[in-house]
Amino acid sequence: MSQKILQINFKFSVPAADLSQGFAPFAQPIAETPGLNWKIWLMNEAESESGGIYLFDDQASLDAYLAGPIVGGLKTHPALSNMSVKVFGVSEEPSRVTRAPIRETVGA
């Protein structure tokens, strides 16, 4: 199994503080997502852009999250637009050198 990075970005049309407050109730359900190791929440208030960087155990866990209700809610939220979703593999050896918070993959 190969770890996967998910990057989701979107524009928002409400004050950044309101957006952050609105996201607060979703932090724990996201933390409990099967196969998710961590999420970093992103905010660029000057550009009205937000999003997240996620590390998943594998593609199946990532796909399940993308097909689930949290991402579904992002896609239909009236204050959010221009959503982009990118998926990356992890280059493990150089990531370890630069102290990335990844786990050792068995057989890598």
N, C-alpha and C. Protein backbone atom coordinates (compact mmCIF):
# COMPACT_ATOMS: atom_id res chain seq x y z
N MET A 1 0.84 -1.18 0.00
CA MET A 1 0.00 0.00 0.00
C MET A 1 0.89 1.24 0.00
N SER A 2 0.45 2.21 -0.75
CA SER A 2 1.23 3.44 -0.89
C SER A 2 0.46 4.62 -0.30
N GLN A 3 1.14 5.39 0.53
CA GLN A 3 0.51 6.58 1.11
C GLN A 3 0.16 7.57 0.00
N LYS A 4 -0.91 8.30 0.21
CA LYS A 4 -1.39 9.27 -0.77
C LYS A 4 -1.63 10.62 -0.11
N ILE A 5 -1.27 11.65 -0.84
CA ILE A 5 -1.55 13.02 -0.42
C ILE A 5 -2.76 13.51 -1.21
N LEU A 6 -3.69 14.13 -0.52
CA LEU A 6 -4.84 14.77 -1.14
C LEU A 6 -4.73 16.26 -0.87
N GLN A 7 -4.88 17.04 -1.92
CA GLN A 7 -4.90 18.50 -1.79
C GLN A 7 -6.23 19.00 -2.33
N ILE A 8 -6.99 19.67 -1.47
CA ILE A 8 -8.25 20.29 -1.86
C ILE A 8 -8.13 21.78 -1.62
N ASN A 9 -8.46 22.57 -2.63
CA ASN A 9 -8.47 24.03 -2.50
C ASN A 9 -9.79 24.55 -3.06
N PHE A 10 -10.23 25.68 -2.53
CA PHE A 10 -11.46 26.31 -3.02
C PHE A 10 -11.44 27.78 -2.64
N LYS A 11 -12.24 28.56 -3.35
CA LYS A 11 -12.45 29.97 -3.04
C LYS A 11 -13.64 30.07 -2.08
N PHE A 12 -13.65 31.12 -1.26
CA PHE A 12 -14.78 31.33 -0.36
C PHE A 12 -15.25 32.77 -0.45
N SER A 13 -16.54 32.96 -0.16
CA SER A 13 -17.16 34.29 -0.31
C SER A 13 -17.74 34.83 0.99
N VAL A 14 -17.22 34.36 2.11
CA VAL A 14 -17.63 34.83 3.43
C VAL A 14 -16.36 35.28 4.16
N PRO A 15 -16.49 36.04 5.25
CA PRO A 15 -15.28 36.40 6.02
C PRO A 15 -14.53 35.14 6.47
N ALA A 16 -13.20 35.20 6.44
CA ALA A 16 -12.37 34.06 6.80
C ALA A 16 -12.69 33.55 8.21
N ALA A 17 -12.94 34.47 9.14
CA ALA A 17 -13.26 34.06 10.52
C ALA A 17 -14.55 33.24 10.54
N ASP A 18 -15.54 33.63 9.74
CA ASP A 18 -16.79 32.87 9.68
C ASP A 18 -16.56 31.48 9.08
N LEU A 19 -15.71 31.43 8.05
CA LEU A 19 -15.40 30.15 7.43
C LEU A 19 -14.72 29.22 8.44
N SER A 20 -13.72 29.74 9.14
CA SER A 20 -13.02 28.94 10.15
C SER A 20 -13.97 28.45 11.24
N GLN A 21 -14.84 29.31 11.68
CA GLN A 21 -15.82 28.93 12.71
C GLN A 21 -16.77 27.86 12.16
N GLY A 22 -17.16 28.01 10.91
CA GLY A 22 -18.06 27.02 10.30
C GLY A 22 -17.41 25.65 10.12
N PHE A 23 -16.10 25.65 9.93
CA PHE A 23 -15.39 24.39 9.76
C PHE A 23 -15.13 23.66 11.08
N ALA A 24 -15.13 24.36 12.19
CA ALA A 24 -14.76 23.78 13.48
C ALA A 24 -15.51 22.48 13.80
N PRO A 25 -16.82 22.39 13.57
CA PRO A 25 -17.51 21.14 13.91
C PRO A 25 -17.09 19.94 13.07
N PHE A 26 -16.40 20.19 11.96
CA PHE A 26 -16.00 19.10 11.08
C PHE A 26 -14.62 18.53 11.41
N ALA A 27 -13.88 19.20 12.28
CA ALA A 27 -12.53 18.76 12.60
C ALA A 27 -12.51 17.34 13.18
N GLN A 28 -13.35 17.07 14.16
CA GLN A 28 -13.34 15.74 14.78
C GLN A 28 -13.82 14.66 13.81
N PRO A 29 -14.92 14.85 13.09
CA PRO A 29 -15.31 13.82 12.11
C PRO A 29 -14.22 13.56 11.06
N ILE A 30 -13.52 14.61 10.64
CA ILE A 30 -12.42 14.40 9.68
C ILE A 30 -11.31 13.61 10.37
N ALA A 31 -10.99 13.95 11.61
CA ALA A 31 -9.94 13.24 12.35
C ALA A 31 -10.26 11.75 12.49
N GLU A 32 -11.54 11.41 12.50
CA GLU A 32 -11.97 10.02 12.66
C GLU A 32 -12.11 9.28 11.34
N THR A 33 -11.76 9.91 10.23
CA THR A 33 -11.87 9.29 8.91
C THR A 33 -10.94 8.08 8.82
N PRO A 34 -11.48 6.92 8.48
CA PRO A 34 -10.63 5.73 8.34
C PRO A 34 -9.53 5.95 7.30
N GLY A 35 -8.32 5.60 7.67
CA GLY A 35 -7.19 5.70 6.75
C GLY A 35 -6.52 7.06 6.68
N LEU A 36 -7.07 8.06 7.38
CA LEU A 36 -6.47 9.38 7.39
C LEU A 36 -5.44 9.47 8.50
N ASN A 37 -4.22 9.86 8.16
CA ASN A 37 -3.17 10.05 9.15
C ASN A 37 -3.20 11.44 9.74
N TRP A 38 -3.38 12.45 8.87
CA TRP A 38 -3.45 13.83 9.33
C TRP A 38 -4.01 14.73 8.24
N LYS A 39 -4.43 15.91 8.67
CA LYS A 39 -4.87 16.97 7.76
C LYS A 39 -4.27 18.27 8.24
N ILE A 40 -3.80 19.07 7.30
CA ILE A 40 -3.39 20.44 7.58
C ILE A 40 -4.41 21.35 6.91
N TRP A 41 -5.01 22.23 7.71
CA TRP A 41 -6.01 23.17 7.21
C TRP A 41 -5.29 24.39 6.62
N LEU A 42 -5.73 24.81 5.46
CA LEU A 42 -5.10 25.94 4.75
C LEU A 42 -6.02 27.15 4.73
N MET A 43 -5.44 28.35 4.85
CA MET A 43 -6.21 29.58 4.78
C MET A 43 -5.34 30.68 4.17
N ASN A 44 -5.82 31.26 3.07
CA ASN A 44 -5.19 32.43 2.46
C ASN A 44 -6.28 33.50 2.42
N GLU A 45 -6.36 34.25 3.50
CA GLU A 45 -7.43 35.24 3.65
C GLU A 45 -7.35 36.31 2.56
N ALA A 46 -6.14 36.74 2.20
CA ALA A 46 -5.97 37.79 1.20
C ALA A 46 -6.52 37.39 -0.16
N GLU A 47 -6.45 36.10 -0.49
CA GLU A 47 -6.94 35.60 -1.79
C GLU A 47 -8.30 34.92 -1.68
N SER A 48 -8.90 34.92 -0.49
CA SER A 48 -10.17 34.22 -0.25
C SER A 48 -10.10 32.78 -0.72
N GLU A 49 -9.02 32.11 -0.33
CA GLU A 49 -8.82 30.72 -0.71
C GLU A 49 -8.51 29.90 0.53
N SER A 50 -9.06 28.71 0.57
CA SER A 50 -8.87 27.81 1.70
C SER A 50 -8.75 26.39 1.17
N GLY A 51 -8.51 25.46 2.08
CA GLY A 51 -8.44 24.07 1.68
C GLY A 51 -7.73 23.24 2.70
N GLY A 52 -7.16 22.14 2.22
CA GLY A 52 -6.46 21.24 3.12
C GLY A 52 -5.50 20.32 2.39
N ILE A 53 -4.51 19.87 3.14
CA ILE A 53 -3.57 18.85 2.68
C ILE A 53 -3.75 17.66 3.63
N TYR A 54 -3.94 16.48 3.06
CA TYR A 54 -4.25 15.28 3.84
C TYR A 54 -3.25 14.19 3.49
N LEU A 55 -2.93 13.35 4.47
CA LEU A 55 -2.15 12.14 4.21
C LEU A 55 -3.02 10.93 4.53
N PHE A 56 -3.24 10.11 3.51
CA PHE A 56 -4.02 8.89 3.66
C PHE A 56 -3.12 7.67 3.57
N ASP A 57 -3.54 6.58 4.19
CA ASP A 57 -2.80 5.32 4.14
C ASP A 57 -2.70 4.78 2.72
N ASP A 58 -3.77 4.98 1.94
CA ASP A 58 -3.82 4.35 0.62
C ASP A 58 -4.89 5.04 -0.25
N GLN A 59 -4.92 4.65 -1.50
CA GLN A 59 -5.87 5.22 -2.45
C GLN A 59 -7.31 4.91 -2.09
N ALA A 60 -7.57 3.70 -1.58
CA ALA A 60 -8.94 3.32 -1.23
C ALA A 60 -9.50 4.23 -0.14
N SER A 61 -8.72 4.53 0.88
CA SER A 61 -9.17 5.42 1.95
C SER A 61 -9.43 6.83 1.41
N LEU A 62 -8.53 7.29 0.56
CA LEU A 62 -8.69 8.61 -0.05
C LEU A 62 -9.96 8.66 -0.90
N ASP A 63 -10.17 7.64 -1.72
CA ASP A 63 -11.36 7.60 -2.58
C ASP A 63 -12.65 7.59 -1.75
N ALA A 64 -12.64 6.85 -0.65
CA ALA A 64 -13.83 6.80 0.22
C ALA A 64 -14.11 8.17 0.81
N TYR A 65 -13.08 8.90 1.20
CA TYR A 65 -13.26 10.24 1.74
C TYR A 65 -13.83 11.18 0.67
N LEU A 66 -13.28 11.12 -0.53
CA LEU A 66 -13.77 11.97 -1.62
C LEU A 66 -15.23 11.68 -1.96
N ALA A 67 -15.65 10.44 -1.81
CA ALA A 67 -17.03 10.06 -2.13
C ALA A 67 -17.98 10.27 -0.95
N GLY A 68 -17.45 10.69 0.20
CA GLY A 68 -18.26 10.80 1.40
C GLY A 68 -18.97 12.14 1.58
N PRO A 69 -19.67 12.27 2.69
CA PRO A 69 -20.52 13.43 2.93
C PRO A 69 -19.77 14.74 3.19
N ILE A 70 -18.57 14.68 3.73
CA ILE A 70 -17.84 15.92 4.03
C ILE A 70 -17.45 16.62 2.73
N VAL A 71 -16.84 15.88 1.82
CA VAL A 71 -16.46 16.49 0.53
C VAL A 71 -17.72 16.82 -0.27
N GLY A 72 -18.74 16.00 -0.16
CA GLY A 72 -20.01 16.31 -0.83
C GLY A 72 -20.57 17.64 -0.37
N GLY A 73 -20.46 17.92 0.93
CA GLY A 73 -20.93 19.19 1.46
C GLY A 73 -20.11 20.37 0.96
N LEU A 74 -18.81 20.18 0.81
CA LEU A 74 -17.96 21.24 0.25
C LEU A 74 -18.40 21.59 -1.17
N LYS A 75 -18.68 20.56 -1.95
CA LYS A 75 -19.03 20.75 -3.36
C LYS A 75 -20.33 21.53 -3.54
N THR A 76 -21.23 21.42 -2.57
CA THR A 76 -22.55 22.05 -2.72
C THR A 76 -22.74 23.29 -1.85
N HIS A 77 -21.73 23.65 -1.06
CA HIS A 77 -21.86 24.79 -0.15
C HIS A 77 -21.93 26.09 -0.95
N PRO A 78 -22.94 26.93 -0.70
CA PRO A 78 -23.11 28.15 -1.51
C PRO A 78 -22.00 29.19 -1.34
N ALA A 79 -21.23 29.14 -0.27
CA ALA A 79 -20.15 30.12 -0.06
C ALA A 79 -18.81 29.65 -0.62
N LEU A 80 -18.77 28.44 -1.19
CA LEU A 80 -17.53 27.88 -1.70
C LEU A 80 -17.63 27.67 -3.21
N SER A 81 -16.52 27.92 -3.90
CA SER A 81 -16.51 27.76 -5.36
C SER A 81 -15.12 27.38 -5.85
N ASN A 82 -15.03 27.06 -7.12
CA ASN A 82 -13.75 26.76 -7.77
C ASN A 82 -12.94 25.71 -7.02
N MET A 83 -13.59 24.66 -6.61
CA MET A 83 -12.91 23.60 -5.87
C MET A 83 -11.99 22.82 -6.80
N SER A 84 -10.76 22.59 -6.33
CA SER A 84 -9.84 21.73 -7.07
C SER A 84 -9.39 20.60 -6.16
N VAL A 85 -9.23 19.43 -6.74
CA VAL A 85 -8.83 18.23 -6.02
C VAL A 85 -7.64 17.64 -6.76
N LYS A 86 -6.54 17.44 -6.03
CA LYS A 86 -5.35 16.82 -6.61
C LYS A 86 -4.89 15.69 -5.70
N VAL A 87 -4.42 14.62 -6.31
CA VAL A 87 -3.94 13.46 -5.57
C VAL A 87 -2.49 13.22 -5.98
N PHE A 88 -1.65 12.96 -4.99
CA PHE A 88 -0.23 12.72 -5.21
C PHE A 88 0.22 11.48 -4.45
N GLY A 89 1.20 10.79 -4.98
CA GLY A 89 1.92 9.79 -4.22
C GLY A 89 2.94 10.51 -3.35
N VAL A 90 3.58 9.76 -2.45
CA VAL A 90 4.58 10.33 -1.55
C VAL A 90 5.96 9.82 -1.97
N SER A 91 6.87 10.72 -2.21
CA SER A 91 8.28 10.37 -2.44
C SER A 91 8.91 10.21 -1.06
N GLU A 92 8.92 8.98 -0.58
CA GLU A 92 9.21 8.72 0.82
C GLU A 92 10.64 9.06 1.26
N GLU A 93 11.64 8.63 0.50
CA GLU A 93 13.01 8.83 0.97
C GLU A 93 13.37 10.31 1.15
N PRO A 94 13.17 11.17 0.13
CA PRO A 94 13.50 12.59 0.38
C PRO A 94 12.56 13.22 1.41
N SER A 95 11.34 12.73 1.51
CA SER A 95 10.42 13.27 2.52
C SER A 95 10.92 12.98 3.93
N ARG A 96 11.49 11.80 4.14
CA ARG A 96 12.05 11.48 5.46
C ARG A 96 13.22 12.40 5.79
N VAL A 97 14.06 12.69 4.79
CA VAL A 97 15.21 13.57 5.01
C VAL A 97 14.74 14.95 5.47
N THR A 98 13.64 15.41 4.91
CA THR A 98 13.13 16.74 5.26
C THR A 98 12.11 16.69 6.39
N ARG A 99 12.10 15.59 7.15
CA ARG A 99 11.29 15.41 8.36
C ARG A 99 9.78 15.43 8.12
N ALA A 100 9.33 14.92 7.00
CA ALA A 100 7.89 14.82 6.76
C ALA A 100 7.25 13.86 7.75
N PRO A 101 6.05 14.16 8.20
CA PRO A 101 5.37 13.28 9.16
C PRO A 101 4.69 12.11 8.45
N ILE A 102 5.51 11.22 7.89
CA ILE A 102 4.97 10.04 7.20
C ILE A 102 5.44 8.80 7.94
N ARG A 103 4.76 7.71 7.70
CA ARG A 103 5.13 6.44 8.32
C ARG A 103 5.97 5.63 7.33
N GLU A 104 6.69 4.68 7.84
CA GLU A 104 7.51 3.80 7.01
C GLU A 104 6.58 2.82 6.31
N THR A 105 6.73 2.69 4.99
CA THR A 105 5.95 1.73 4.22
C THR A 105 6.69 0.41 4.19
N VAL A 106 6.01 -0.65 4.57
CA VAL A 106 6.62 -1.99 4.58
C VAL A 106 6.94 -2.38 3.15
N GLY A 107 8.15 -2.84 2.93
CA GLY A 107 8.56 -3.29 1.60
C GLY A 107 8.98 -2.17 0.68
N ALA A 108 9.09 -0.95 1.20
CA ALA A 108 9.47 0.17 0.34
C ALA A 108 10.97 0.22 0.18
